[in-house]
Amino acid sequence: MVTERDERLHLVDAMAENAWRMFRILGEFADGFEALRGVGRAVTVFGSARDVLAPEVYAQAEAIGRALAQAGYTVLTGGGPGVMRAANRGAFEAGGRSVGLNIELPHEQEPNPYQTDFLTFRYFFVRKVMLVKYAQAFVAFPGGFGTLNELFECLTLIQTLKIHPFPVFLVGSAFWGGLVDWVRDTLAARGTISPEDLNLFRVVDGVEGIPAMIDAYHRRPDHAGFHLPSDG
């Protein structure tokens, strides 16, 4: 039989647990802000943590990491395997700053060895703040739910002007084309987003020109978007 005293003790325990959770969250934010305060110009690269994609995808991720580092950008990733490992490797081997923001998971997430700086987070939403706050662009490679979550949260923040606009690139028209068609033909057609929201991202098949496009975007006074959802 549960007594009134038992219920009070349970409530106290729950309040204490929530208080400790709050302090852990604040601690993660403080650690992240401290570690990344001097990160400079940075680009966040997203993509699958699984080694299931075509080899050319990982080659492109490595190439964009290298190109960004050579252009003076810090490369930010989730710090794990797959696409993240490839992007970190490209930046690391080019002598650039290669940052991994790892997450504690029961599977999939093992920190990759190509990181000049790394942090490990317990909470996804804290890590996402760091990946967005310090980025001047997003580059999204093929991925799963995590990649889609990060992509759409980023687009929502730009759409609602909760963050300063920056360019978003989706690498691989064969992978992203169906999603882009649905966004245009369903969301925009039915009015749940504005037609102009299609200008918040660009689909590309090559990564070589991305650093220059990022530079050009930020030189524009209006940061109005790409005006095209794809490069062809």
Protein backbone atom coordinates (compact mmCIF):
# COMPACT_ATOMS: atom_id res chain seq x y z
CA MET A 1 0.00 0.00 0.00
CA VAL A 2 1.36 3.41 -1.03
CA THR A 3 1.14 5.91 1.81
CA GLU A 4 1.04 9.68 1.67
CA ARG A 5 4.59 9.69 3.01
CA ASP A 6 5.72 7.43 0.19
CA GLU A 7 4.17 9.79 -2.34
CA ARG A 8 5.91 12.79 -0.76
CA LEU A 9 9.26 10.99 -0.84
CA HIS A 10 8.72 10.04 -4.46
CA LEU A 11 7.95 13.68 -5.32
CA VAL A 12 11.10 14.85 -3.51
CA ASP A 13 13.19 12.29 -5.38
CA ALA A 14 11.71 13.39 -8.70
CA MET A 15 12.40 17.05 -7.94
CA ALA A 16 15.99 16.24 -6.97
CA GLU A 17 16.50 14.24 -10.15
CA ASN A 18 15.17 17.11 -12.27
CA ALA A 19 17.42 19.58 -10.44
CA TRP A 20 20.50 17.46 -11.15
CA ARG A 21 19.41 17.09 -14.77
CA MET A 22 19.16 20.87 -15.06
CA PHE A 23 22.69 21.29 -13.69
CA ARG A 24 24.03 18.66 -16.09
CA ILE A 25 22.39 20.50 -19.00
CA LEU A 26 23.81 23.85 -17.86
CA GLY A 27 27.21 22.22 -17.46
CA GLU A 28 27.12 20.88 -21.01
CA PHE A 29 26.21 24.30 -22.38
CA ALA A 30 29.01 25.93 -20.36
CA ASP A 31 31.57 23.37 -21.53
CA GLY A 32 30.47 23.77 -25.14
CA PHE A 33 30.55 27.56 -25.11
CA GLU A 34 33.97 27.56 -23.48
CA ALA A 35 35.47 25.01 -25.86
CA LEU A 36 34.13 26.64 -29.03
CA ARG A 37 34.43 30.32 -28.22
CA GLY A 38 37.50 30.74 -30.43
CA VAL A 39 36.43 28.42 -33.21
CA GLY A 40 36.29 31.20 -35.81
CA ARG A 41 34.65 30.62 -39.18
CA ALA A 42 33.13 27.16 -39.11
CA VAL A 43 31.03 24.90 -41.29
CA THR A 44 28.97 22.01 -39.93
CA VAL A 45 28.93 18.78 -41.93
CA PHE A 46 26.13 16.25 -41.33
CA GLY A 47 25.61 12.75 -42.66
CA SER A 48 25.13 9.11 -41.85
CA ALA A 49 27.11 7.51 -39.05
CA ARG A 50 26.74 4.15 -40.81
CA ASP A 51 29.14 2.75 -43.36
CA VAL A 52 26.38 1.84 -45.80
CA LEU A 53 26.73 4.52 -48.45
CA ALA A 54 28.60 4.35 -51.74
CA PRO A 55 32.37 4.92 -51.43
CA GLU A 56 32.13 8.11 -53.48
CA VAL A 57 29.95 9.69 -50.78
CA TYR A 58 32.68 9.29 -48.18
CA ALA A 59 35.24 10.51 -50.71
CA GLN A 60 33.16 13.65 -51.22
CA ALA A 61 32.81 14.15 -47.46
CA GLU A 62 36.57 13.89 -47.09
CA ALA A 63 37.02 16.28 -50.01
CA ILE A 64 34.72 18.92 -48.52
CA GLY A 65 36.50 18.67 -45.17
CA ARG A 66 39.81 19.22 -46.95
CA ALA A 67 38.49 22.08 -49.10
CA LEU A 68 36.92 23.86 -46.15
CA ALA A 69 40.11 23.60 -44.11
CA GLN A 70 42.16 24.94 -47.02
CA ALA A 71 39.70 27.85 -47.31
CA GLY A 72 40.24 28.72 -43.65
CA TYR A 73 37.10 27.17 -42.17
CA THR A 74 36.89 25.01 -39.09
CA VAL A 75 35.01 21.79 -39.78
CA LEU A 76 32.37 20.80 -37.21
CA THR A 77 30.81 17.34 -37.18
CA GLY A 78 29.03 15.07 -34.75
CA GLY A 79 32.38 13.39 -34.21
CA GLY A 80 31.28 9.87 -35.10
CA PRO A 81 31.99 7.38 -37.89
CA GLY A 82 30.73 7.34 -41.47
CA VAL A 83 30.35 10.72 -43.15
CA MET A 84 31.45 12.53 -40.00
CA ARG A 85 34.70 10.58 -39.89
CA ALA A 86 35.38 11.34 -43.55
CA ALA A 87 34.78 15.10 -43.17
CA ASN A 88 36.92 15.26 -40.03
CA ARG A 89 39.66 13.29 -41.78
CA GLY A 90 39.75 15.66 -44.74
CA ALA A 91 40.11 18.69 -42.48
CA PHE A 92 42.56 16.99 -40.12
CA GLU A 93 44.90 15.78 -42.86
CA ALA A 94 44.80 19.21 -44.50
CA GLY A 95 46.11 20.71 -41.27
CA GLY A 96 42.87 22.46 -40.40
CA ARG A 97 40.84 22.59 -37.22
CA SER A 98 38.63 19.51 -37.09
CA VAL A 99 36.07 19.54 -34.30
CA GLY A 100 33.94 16.59 -33.22
CA LEU A 101 30.90 17.09 -31.00
CA ASN A 102 30.22 13.54 -29.91
CA ILE A 103 27.05 12.15 -28.35
CA GLU A 104 26.63 9.33 -25.86
CA LEU A 105 24.62 6.58 -27.56
CA PRO A 106 24.10 2.87 -26.87
CA HIS A 107 25.18 2.09 -30.43
CA GLU A 108 26.64 3.66 -33.60
CA GLN A 109 28.57 6.49 -32.02
CA GLU A 110 32.29 5.92 -31.58
CA PRO A 111 34.48 9.04 -31.69
CA ASN A 112 36.60 9.10 -34.82
CA PRO A 113 40.36 9.70 -34.57
CA TYR A 114 40.50 12.73 -36.88
CA GLN A 115 39.63 15.46 -34.38
CA THR A 116 41.82 18.32 -33.20
CA ASP A 117 39.12 19.23 -30.66
CA PHE A 118 36.33 17.12 -29.26
CA LEU A 119 33.54 17.22 -26.72
CA THR A 120 31.09 14.54 -25.67
CA PHE A 121 27.47 15.42 -24.94
CA ARG A 122 24.74 13.54 -23.17
CA TYR A 123 21.90 15.60 -24.60
CA PHE A 124 21.16 15.82 -28.31
CA PHE A 125 19.62 19.28 -28.08
CA VAL A 126 22.71 20.76 -26.41
CA ARG A 127 24.93 19.33 -29.13
CA LYS A 128 22.61 20.69 -31.83
CA VAL A 129 22.87 24.18 -30.36
CA MET A 130 26.65 23.98 -30.67
CA LEU A 131 26.51 22.67 -34.24
CA VAL A 132 24.24 25.57 -35.23
CA LYS A 133 25.58 28.42 -33.11
CA TYR A 134 29.09 28.37 -34.50
CA ALA A 135 28.30 27.50 -38.12
CA GLN A 136 28.44 29.77 -41.15
CA ALA A 137 27.01 27.03 -43.36
CA PHE A 138 25.61 23.48 -43.23
CA VAL A 139 26.60 20.70 -45.59
CA ALA A 140 24.26 17.70 -45.38
CA PHE A 141 25.25 14.38 -46.92
CA PRO A 142 22.92 11.38 -47.16
CA GLY A 143 21.85 10.16 -43.76
CA GLY A 144 19.03 8.90 -41.60
CA PHE A 145 16.68 10.31 -38.98
CA GLY A 146 19.46 12.21 -37.21
CA THR A 147 20.58 13.95 -40.39
CA LEU A 148 16.98 14.84 -41.30
CA ASN A 149 16.33 16.10 -37.78
CA GLU A 150 19.37 18.37 -37.90
CA LEU A 151 18.56 19.57 -41.41
CA PHE A 152 14.94 20.52 -40.76
CA GLU A 153 15.70 22.11 -37.42
CA CYS A 154 18.32 24.24 -39.12
CA LEU A 155 15.93 25.23 -41.92
CA THR A 156 13.23 26.06 -39.36
CA LEU A 157 15.59 28.33 -37.42
CA ILE A 158 16.59 30.15 -40.59
CA GLN A 159 13.00 30.36 -41.83
CA THR A 160 11.81 31.87 -38.54
CA LEU A 161 14.84 34.18 -38.24
CA LYS A 162 15.84 32.64 -34.93
CA ILE A 163 19.39 32.48 -36.24
CA HIS A 164 21.34 34.58 -38.70
CA PRO A 165 20.73 33.03 -42.14
CA PHE A 166 23.47 30.91 -43.67
CA PRO A 167 23.71 28.61 -46.71
CA VAL A 168 22.58 24.99 -46.53
CA PHE A 169 23.86 22.46 -49.07
CA LEU A 170 22.37 19.02 -49.70
CA VAL A 171 24.99 16.84 -51.37
CA GLY A 172 23.66 14.27 -53.82
CA SER A 173 20.64 14.92 -56.02
CA ALA A 174 19.93 11.19 -56.35
CA PHE A 175 19.47 10.95 -52.59
CA TRP A 176 17.79 14.28 -51.87
CA GLY A 177 15.76 14.69 -55.05
CA GLY A 178 12.65 12.87 -53.83
CA LEU A 179 12.59 14.88 -50.62
CA VAL A 180 13.02 18.15 -52.49
CA ASP A 181 10.18 17.19 -54.85
CA TRP A 182 7.92 16.49 -51.87
CA VAL A 183 8.86 19.78 -50.18
CA ARG A 184 8.06 21.67 -53.39
CA ASP A 185 5.05 19.73 -54.64
CA THR A 186 3.39 19.07 -51.29
CA LEU A 187 4.55 21.56 -48.65
CA ALA A 188 4.92 24.61 -50.88
CA ALA A 189 1.99 23.65 -53.12
CA ARG A 190 -0.34 23.32 -50.14
CA GLY A 191 0.91 26.49 -48.51
CA THR A 192 2.45 24.95 -45.38
CA ILE A 193 5.69 26.69 -46.37
CA SER A 194 6.24 29.67 -48.64
CA PRO A 195 7.64 29.18 -52.16
CA GLU A 196 10.57 31.37 -51.08
CA ASP A 197 11.52 28.77 -48.48
CA LEU A 198 12.83 26.60 -51.32
CA ASN A 199 15.65 29.15 -51.57
CA LEU A 200 16.93 28.26 -48.10
CA PHE A 201 18.94 25.34 -49.45
CA ARG A 202 20.71 24.14 -52.57
CA VAL A 203 21.19 20.61 -53.88
CA VAL A 204 24.64 19.97 -55.32
CA ASP A 205 26.35 16.94 -56.80
CA GLY A 206 29.88 18.30 -56.55
CA VAL A 207 31.47 19.78 -53.44
CA GLU A 208 34.42 21.64 -54.97
CA GLY A 209 32.65 24.98 -55.24
CA ILE A 210 31.04 24.98 -51.79
CA PRO A 211 33.67 27.08 -49.93
CA ALA A 212 33.50 29.79 -52.60
CA MET A 213 29.69 29.76 -52.51
CA ILE A 214 29.77 30.17 -48.73
CA ASP A 215 32.10 33.14 -49.07
CA ALA A 216 29.89 34.69 -51.75
CA TYR A 217 26.74 34.15 -49.71
CA HIS A 218 28.14 35.97 -46.69
CA ARG A 219 29.36 38.87 -48.82
CA ARG A 220 25.77 39.56 -49.86
CA PRO A 221 24.12 42.19 -47.67
CA ASP A 222 20.68 40.56 -47.74
CA HIS A 223 21.57 36.88 -47.29
CA ALA A 224 18.39 36.21 -49.21
CA GLY A 225 19.11 32.65 -50.21
CA PHE A 226 20.16 30.84 -53.32
CA HIS A 227 17.07 31.55 -55.47
CA LEU A 228 17.29 27.99 -56.77
CA PRO A 229 16.73 24.73 -54.86
CA SER A 230 19.29 22.88 -56.98
CA ASP A 231 22.28 23.43 -59.22
CA GLY A 232 20.71 21.79 -62.21
